[in-house]
Amino acid sequence: MANTDLDIILDLNTLEQYCNAIGAATLLKSVVLFEQLMPEYVGNLVNAEEANDKDTLCAEAHKFKGAAGSVGLKRIQQVAQKLQHGEEASWEDEHSTWLQVIVDQAAIDLQQLKQFLESKSA
């Protein structure tokens, strides 16, 4: 995948800084932990949506945004950022779409992140 495509998915600048500071192998350990927690994060988002619990959905999106950002998942972080802001005018019309992007793309983006870090640690 070309870097321009990866740059949509991953925060390449931050990842390069992390790799230089702590090494790709160390960062990959954090990514593996995130991977283990991700089903719970996404499940909490889906459960809140199904329960029509806007406050919980926004709160869970905030948590997920921080977790995704901490490992360099830029696209997922940006979508979760939108999802957490229930006060925004576009939220009512768009939040289901944003949630679906997270459900559909999070695991795919995570695999791209792992491949990127594995290539850096080789």
N, C-alpha and C. Protein backbone atom coordinates (compact mmCIF):
# COMPACT_ATOMS: atom_id res chain seq x y z
N MET A 1 0.85 -1.18 0.00
CA MET A 1 0.00 0.00 0.00
C MET A 1 0.90 1.24 0.00
N ALA A 2 0.58 2.18 -0.86
CA ALA A 2 1.38 3.42 -0.97
C ALA A 2 1.24 4.24 0.31
N ASN A 3 2.28 5.02 0.60
CA ASN A 3 2.25 5.84 1.80
C ASN A 3 1.09 6.83 1.82
N THR A 4 0.69 7.34 0.64
CA THR A 4 -0.44 8.27 0.62
C THR A 4 -1.72 7.57 1.06
N ASP A 5 -1.89 6.30 0.67
CA ASP A 5 -3.05 5.55 1.13
C ASP A 5 -2.94 5.23 2.62
N LEU A 6 -1.76 4.84 3.05
CA LEU A 6 -1.54 4.55 4.47
C LEU A 6 -1.77 5.79 5.32
N ASP A 7 -1.45 6.95 4.79
CA ASP A 7 -1.60 8.19 5.55
C ASP A 7 -3.06 8.51 5.85
N ILE A 8 -3.98 7.98 5.08
CA ILE A 8 -5.41 8.14 5.36
C ILE A 8 -5.79 7.29 6.58
N ILE A 9 -5.17 6.14 6.69
CA ILE A 9 -5.51 5.16 7.72
C ILE A 9 -4.71 5.38 9.00
N LEU A 10 -3.41 5.65 8.84
CA LEU A 10 -2.49 5.71 9.97
C LEU A 10 -1.90 7.10 10.14
N ASP A 11 -1.57 7.43 11.37
CA ASP A 11 -0.87 8.68 11.67
C ASP A 11 0.63 8.39 11.51
N LEU A 12 1.09 8.47 10.26
CA LEU A 12 2.46 8.06 9.95
C LEU A 12 3.51 8.91 10.67
N ASN A 13 3.26 10.19 10.81
CA ASN A 13 4.21 11.05 11.49
C ASN A 13 4.39 10.61 12.95
N THR A 14 3.29 10.41 13.64
CA THR A 14 3.36 9.98 15.04
C THR A 14 3.98 8.59 15.15
N LEU A 15 3.61 7.70 14.25
CA LEU A 15 4.17 6.35 14.29
C LEU A 15 5.68 6.36 14.07
N GLU A 16 6.14 7.18 13.14
CA GLU A 16 7.59 7.29 12.92
C GLU A 16 8.28 7.80 14.19
N GLN A 17 7.67 8.78 14.84
CA GLN A 17 8.26 9.31 16.08
C GLN A 17 8.29 8.24 17.16
N TYR A 18 7.18 7.50 17.31
CA TYR A 18 7.15 6.41 18.29
C TYR A 18 8.22 5.36 17.98
N CYS A 19 8.32 4.98 16.71
CA CYS A 19 9.31 3.96 16.32
C CYS A 19 10.73 4.43 16.63
N ASN A 20 11.00 5.70 16.37
CA ASN A 20 12.33 6.24 16.67
C ASN A 20 12.58 6.31 18.17
N ALA A 21 11.55 6.60 18.94
CA ALA A 21 11.72 6.76 20.38
C ALA A 21 11.77 5.44 21.14
N ILE A 22 10.83 4.55 20.84
CA ILE A 22 10.74 3.32 21.63
C ILE A 22 10.94 2.05 20.81
N GLY A 23 10.95 2.18 19.51
CA GLY A 23 11.13 1.03 18.63
C GLY A 23 9.80 0.42 18.20
N ALA A 24 9.78 -0.06 16.98
CA ALA A 24 8.56 -0.62 16.41
C ALA A 24 8.09 -1.86 17.17
N ALA A 25 9.03 -2.67 17.64
CA ALA A 25 8.65 -3.91 18.35
C ALA A 25 7.92 -3.58 19.65
N THR A 26 8.39 -2.57 20.36
CA THR A 26 7.73 -2.16 21.60
C THR A 26 6.35 -1.60 21.31
N LEU A 27 6.24 -0.77 20.29
CA LEU A 27 4.95 -0.22 19.92
C LEU A 27 3.99 -1.32 19.48
N LEU A 28 4.51 -2.32 18.80
CA LEU A 28 3.68 -3.43 18.36
C LEU A 28 3.04 -4.15 19.54
N LYS A 29 3.73 -4.21 20.67
CA LYS A 29 3.16 -4.82 21.88
C LYS A 29 1.92 -4.05 22.33
N SER A 30 1.97 -2.72 22.26
CA SER A 30 0.81 -1.90 22.60
C SER A 30 -0.33 -2.13 21.62
N VAL A 31 0.02 -2.30 20.37
CA VAL A 31 -0.99 -2.55 19.34
C VAL A 31 -1.67 -3.90 19.57
N VAL A 32 -0.92 -4.89 19.98
CA VAL A 32 -1.50 -6.21 20.28
C VAL A 32 -2.47 -6.10 21.45
N LEU A 33 -2.12 -5.32 22.46
CA LEU A 33 -3.03 -5.09 23.58
C LEU A 33 -4.30 -4.39 23.10
N PHE A 34 -4.14 -3.36 22.28
CA PHE A 34 -5.29 -2.67 21.71
C PHE A 34 -6.16 -3.65 20.92
N GLU A 35 -5.53 -4.53 20.17
CA GLU A 35 -6.26 -5.52 19.37
C GLU A 35 -7.11 -6.43 20.26
N GLN A 36 -6.59 -6.77 21.43
CA GLN A 36 -7.33 -7.61 22.36
C GLN A 36 -8.53 -6.88 22.95
N LEU A 37 -8.39 -5.56 23.14
CA LEU A 37 -9.45 -4.75 23.74
C LEU A 37 -10.47 -4.24 22.72
N MET A 38 -10.08 -4.21 21.46
CA MET A 38 -10.93 -3.59 20.44
C MET A 38 -12.33 -4.20 20.34
N PRO A 39 -12.50 -5.52 20.41
CA PRO A 39 -13.87 -6.05 20.33
C PRO A 39 -14.78 -5.49 21.44
N GLU A 40 -14.22 -5.29 22.61
CA GLU A 40 -15.01 -4.72 23.70
C GLU A 40 -15.37 -3.26 23.41
N TYR A 41 -14.39 -2.49 22.94
CA TYR A 41 -14.67 -1.09 22.58
C TYR A 41 -15.78 -1.01 21.53
N VAL A 42 -15.63 -1.76 20.47
CA VAL A 42 -16.61 -1.71 19.37
C VAL A 42 -17.96 -2.25 19.85
N GLY A 43 -17.93 -3.31 20.62
CA GLY A 43 -19.16 -3.87 21.18
C GLY A 43 -19.90 -2.86 22.04
N ASN A 44 -19.17 -2.11 22.85
CA ASN A 44 -19.80 -1.08 23.69
C ASN A 44 -20.46 0.00 22.83
N LEU A 45 -19.82 0.37 21.74
CA LEU A 45 -20.40 1.36 20.83
C LEU A 45 -21.70 0.82 20.22
N VAL A 46 -21.64 -0.39 19.72
CA VAL A 46 -22.81 -1.00 19.08
C VAL A 46 -23.95 -1.18 20.09
N ASN A 47 -23.63 -1.63 21.29
CA ASN A 47 -24.66 -1.81 22.32
C ASN A 47 -25.32 -0.49 22.68
N ALA A 48 -24.54 0.56 22.79
CA ALA A 48 -25.11 1.87 23.12
C ALA A 48 -26.01 2.36 21.99
N GLU A 49 -25.60 2.14 20.75
CA GLU A 49 -26.42 2.52 19.60
C GLU A 49 -27.74 1.74 19.60
N GLU A 50 -27.65 0.45 19.82
CA GLU A 50 -28.85 -0.39 19.82
C GLU A 50 -29.81 -0.02 20.94
N ALA A 51 -29.26 0.47 22.05
CA ALA A 51 -30.09 0.89 23.19
C ALA A 51 -30.55 2.34 23.05
N ASN A 52 -30.19 2.98 21.96
CA ASN A 52 -30.50 4.41 21.77
C ASN A 52 -30.01 5.25 22.94
N ASP A 53 -28.84 4.90 23.45
CA ASP A 53 -28.24 5.60 24.58
C ASP A 53 -27.15 6.54 24.07
N LYS A 54 -27.57 7.73 23.71
CA LYS A 54 -26.67 8.72 23.10
C LYS A 54 -25.52 9.08 24.02
N ASP A 55 -25.80 9.30 25.30
CA ASP A 55 -24.74 9.71 26.23
C ASP A 55 -23.65 8.64 26.33
N THR A 56 -24.07 7.39 26.45
CA THR A 56 -23.10 6.30 26.54
C THR A 56 -22.35 6.15 25.22
N LEU A 57 -23.06 6.26 24.11
CA LEU A 57 -22.41 6.16 22.80
C LEU A 57 -21.33 7.22 22.66
N CYS A 58 -21.64 8.44 23.03
CA CYS A 58 -20.65 9.52 22.94
C CYS A 58 -19.47 9.28 23.89
N ALA A 59 -19.76 8.82 25.09
CA ALA A 59 -18.70 8.56 26.07
C ALA A 59 -17.80 7.42 25.61
N GLU A 60 -18.40 6.35 25.08
CA GLU A 60 -17.61 5.23 24.58
C GLU A 60 -16.80 5.62 23.35
N ALA A 61 -17.38 6.47 22.50
CA ALA A 61 -16.64 6.96 21.33
C ALA A 61 -15.42 7.76 21.76
N HIS A 62 -15.58 8.55 22.83
CA HIS A 62 -14.45 9.33 23.36
C HIS A 62 -13.32 8.40 23.82
N LYS A 63 -13.67 7.35 24.53
CA LYS A 63 -12.66 6.38 25.00
C LYS A 63 -11.97 5.71 23.81
N PHE A 64 -12.77 5.30 22.84
CA PHE A 64 -12.23 4.60 21.69
C PHE A 64 -11.34 5.52 20.87
N LYS A 65 -11.74 6.78 20.77
CA LYS A 65 -10.92 7.77 20.05
C LYS A 65 -9.53 7.85 20.67
N GLY A 66 -9.48 7.96 21.98
CA GLY A 66 -8.20 8.05 22.66
C GLY A 66 -7.35 6.81 22.48
N ALA A 67 -7.98 5.65 22.59
CA ALA A 67 -7.25 4.39 22.44
C ALA A 67 -6.73 4.23 21.01
N ALA A 68 -7.57 4.53 20.03
CA ALA A 68 -7.15 4.41 18.63
C ALA A 68 -6.03 5.39 18.32
N GLY A 69 -6.15 6.60 18.81
CA GLY A 69 -5.11 7.61 18.58
C GLY A 69 -3.79 7.24 19.22
N SER A 70 -3.86 6.57 20.36
CA SER A 70 -2.63 6.23 21.08
C SER A 70 -1.77 5.21 20.33
N VAL A 71 -2.38 4.48 19.40
CA VAL A 71 -1.61 3.51 18.61
C VAL A 71 -1.48 3.93 17.15
N GLY A 72 -1.95 5.14 16.82
CA GLY A 72 -1.73 5.67 15.48
C GLY A 72 -2.79 5.34 14.44
N LEU A 73 -3.96 4.91 14.89
CA LEU A 73 -5.06 4.61 13.96
C LEU A 73 -5.82 5.89 13.64
N LYS A 74 -5.31 6.64 12.68
CA LYS A 74 -5.82 7.97 12.39
C LYS A 74 -7.27 7.98 11.91
N ARG A 75 -7.61 7.17 10.91
CA ARG A 75 -8.97 7.21 10.37
C ARG A 75 -9.99 6.86 11.46
N ILE A 76 -9.72 5.81 12.22
CA ILE A 76 -10.64 5.39 13.28
C ILE A 76 -10.74 6.47 14.35
N GLN A 77 -9.62 7.07 14.70
CA GLN A 77 -9.62 8.16 15.68
C GLN A 77 -10.49 9.32 15.18
N GLN A 78 -10.35 9.69 13.92
CA GLN A 78 -11.10 10.81 13.37
C GLN A 78 -12.60 10.53 13.33
N VAL A 79 -12.97 9.31 12.99
CA VAL A 79 -14.40 8.96 12.95
C VAL A 79 -14.96 8.92 14.37
N ALA A 80 -14.22 8.35 15.30
CA ALA A 80 -14.66 8.32 16.70
C ALA A 80 -14.78 9.74 17.26
N GLN A 81 -13.91 10.63 16.81
CA GLN A 81 -13.98 12.04 17.21
C GLN A 81 -15.33 12.63 16.82
N LYS A 82 -15.78 12.36 15.62
CA LYS A 82 -17.09 12.85 15.17
C LYS A 82 -18.20 12.21 16.00
N LEU A 83 -18.08 10.91 16.25
CA LEU A 83 -19.11 10.16 16.95
C LEU A 83 -19.26 10.62 18.40
N GLN A 84 -18.20 11.09 19.00
CA GLN A 84 -18.27 11.48 20.41
C GLN A 84 -19.00 12.81 20.62
N HIS A 85 -19.15 13.60 19.58
CA HIS A 85 -19.73 14.93 19.72
C HIS A 85 -21.22 14.94 19.39
N GLY A 86 -22.00 14.43 20.33
CA GLY A 86 -23.44 14.34 20.16
C GLY A 86 -24.14 15.67 20.08
N GLU A 87 -23.44 16.73 20.46
CA GLU A 87 -24.04 18.07 20.42
C GLU A 87 -23.98 18.71 19.04
N GLU A 88 -23.20 18.12 18.14
CA GLU A 88 -23.07 18.68 16.80
C GLU A 88 -24.35 18.50 16.00
N ALA A 89 -24.65 19.48 15.15
CA ALA A 89 -25.89 19.46 14.37
C ALA A 89 -26.00 18.24 13.46
N SER A 90 -24.89 17.80 12.91
CA SER A 90 -24.91 16.68 11.97
C SER A 90 -24.97 15.31 12.66
N TRP A 91 -24.84 15.28 13.98
CA TRP A 91 -24.72 14.02 14.69
C TRP A 91 -25.93 13.11 14.47
N GLU A 92 -27.13 13.64 14.64
CA GLU A 92 -28.35 12.81 14.53
C GLU A 92 -28.43 12.11 13.18
N ASP A 93 -28.09 12.82 12.11
CA ASP A 93 -28.18 12.25 10.77
C ASP A 93 -27.00 11.35 10.42
N GLU A 94 -25.85 11.60 11.00
CA GLU A 94 -24.61 10.93 10.57
C GLU A 94 -24.07 9.86 11.52
N HIS A 95 -24.48 9.86 12.77
CA HIS A 95 -23.79 8.99 13.75
C HIS A 95 -23.85 7.51 13.40
N SER A 96 -24.94 7.05 12.82
CA SER A 96 -25.03 5.63 12.45
C SER A 96 -24.02 5.29 11.35
N THR A 97 -23.82 6.22 10.43
CA THR A 97 -22.83 6.03 9.37
C THR A 97 -21.43 5.98 9.95
N TRP A 98 -21.14 6.89 10.87
CA TRP A 98 -19.82 6.91 11.51
C TRP A 98 -19.56 5.62 12.27
N LEU A 99 -20.58 5.16 13.00
CA LEU A 99 -20.43 3.91 13.74
C LEU A 99 -20.17 2.76 12.78
N GLN A 100 -20.86 2.74 11.66
CA GLN A 100 -20.67 1.65 10.69
C GLN A 100 -19.26 1.67 10.11
N VAL A 101 -18.70 2.86 9.90
CA VAL A 101 -17.31 2.97 9.43
C VAL A 101 -16.38 2.31 10.45
N ILE A 102 -16.61 2.58 11.73
CA ILE A 102 -15.77 1.98 12.78
C ILE A 102 -15.92 0.46 12.75
N VAL A 103 -17.17 -0.01 12.71
CA VAL A 103 -17.41 -1.46 12.71
C VAL A 103 -16.76 -2.12 11.49
N ASP A 104 -16.89 -1.48 10.33
CA ASP A 104 -16.37 -2.07 9.09
C ASP A 104 -14.87 -1.93 8.93
N GLN A 105 -14.27 -0.85 9.42
CA GLN A 105 -12.88 -0.53 9.11
C GLN A 105 -11.88 -0.77 10.23
N ALA A 106 -12.31 -0.84 11.47
CA ALA A 106 -11.35 -0.89 12.58
C ALA A 106 -10.40 -2.08 12.47
N ALA A 107 -10.92 -3.26 12.23
CA ALA A 107 -10.06 -4.44 12.16
C ALA A 107 -9.14 -4.40 10.94
N ILE A 108 -9.65 -3.88 9.83
CA ILE A 108 -8.85 -3.76 8.62
C ILE A 108 -7.70 -2.77 8.83
N ASP A 109 -8.04 -1.62 9.42
CA ASP A 109 -7.02 -0.61 9.69
C ASP A 109 -5.99 -1.13 10.68
N LEU A 110 -6.45 -1.88 11.66
CA LEU A 110 -5.53 -2.45 12.65
C LEU A 110 -4.54 -3.41 11.98
N GLN A 111 -4.99 -4.20 11.03
CA GLN A 111 -4.08 -5.10 10.31
C GLN A 111 -3.05 -4.31 9.51
N GLN A 112 -3.47 -3.22 8.91
CA GLN A 112 -2.53 -2.36 8.19
C GLN A 112 -1.48 -1.80 9.15
N LEU A 113 -1.91 -1.40 10.33
CA LEU A 113 -0.99 -0.89 11.35
C LEU A 113 0.01 -1.96 11.75
N LYS A 114 -0.47 -3.15 11.99
CA LYS A 114 0.43 -4.24 12.39
C LYS A 114 1.44 -4.54 11.29
N GLN A 115 0.99 -4.58 10.04
CA GLN A 115 1.91 -4.83 8.92
C GLN A 115 2.96 -3.72 8.83
N PHE A 116 2.52 -2.47 9.02
CA PHE A 116 3.44 -1.33 8.98
C PHE A 116 4.52 -1.49 10.06
N LEU A 117 4.10 -1.80 11.27
CA LEU A 117 5.06 -1.93 12.37
C LEU A 117 5.96 -3.15 12.22
N GLU A 118 5.39 -4.23 11.72
CA GLU A 118 6.21 -5.43 11.49
C GLU A 118 7.28 -5.16 10.45
N SER A 119 6.96 -4.38 9.44
CA SER A 119 7.97 -4.04 8.42
C SER A 119 9.05 -3.12 9.01
N LYS A 120 8.68 -2.31 9.99
CA LYS A 120 9.65 -1.41 10.64
C LYS A 120 10.54 -2.16 11.62
N SER A 121 10.04 -3.26 12.18
CA SER A 121 10.82 -3.97 13.19
C SER A 121 11.63 -5.12 12.60
N ALA A 122 11.47 -5.34 11.30
CA ALA A 122 12.20 -6.46 10.65
C ALA A 122 13.67 -6.11 10.46
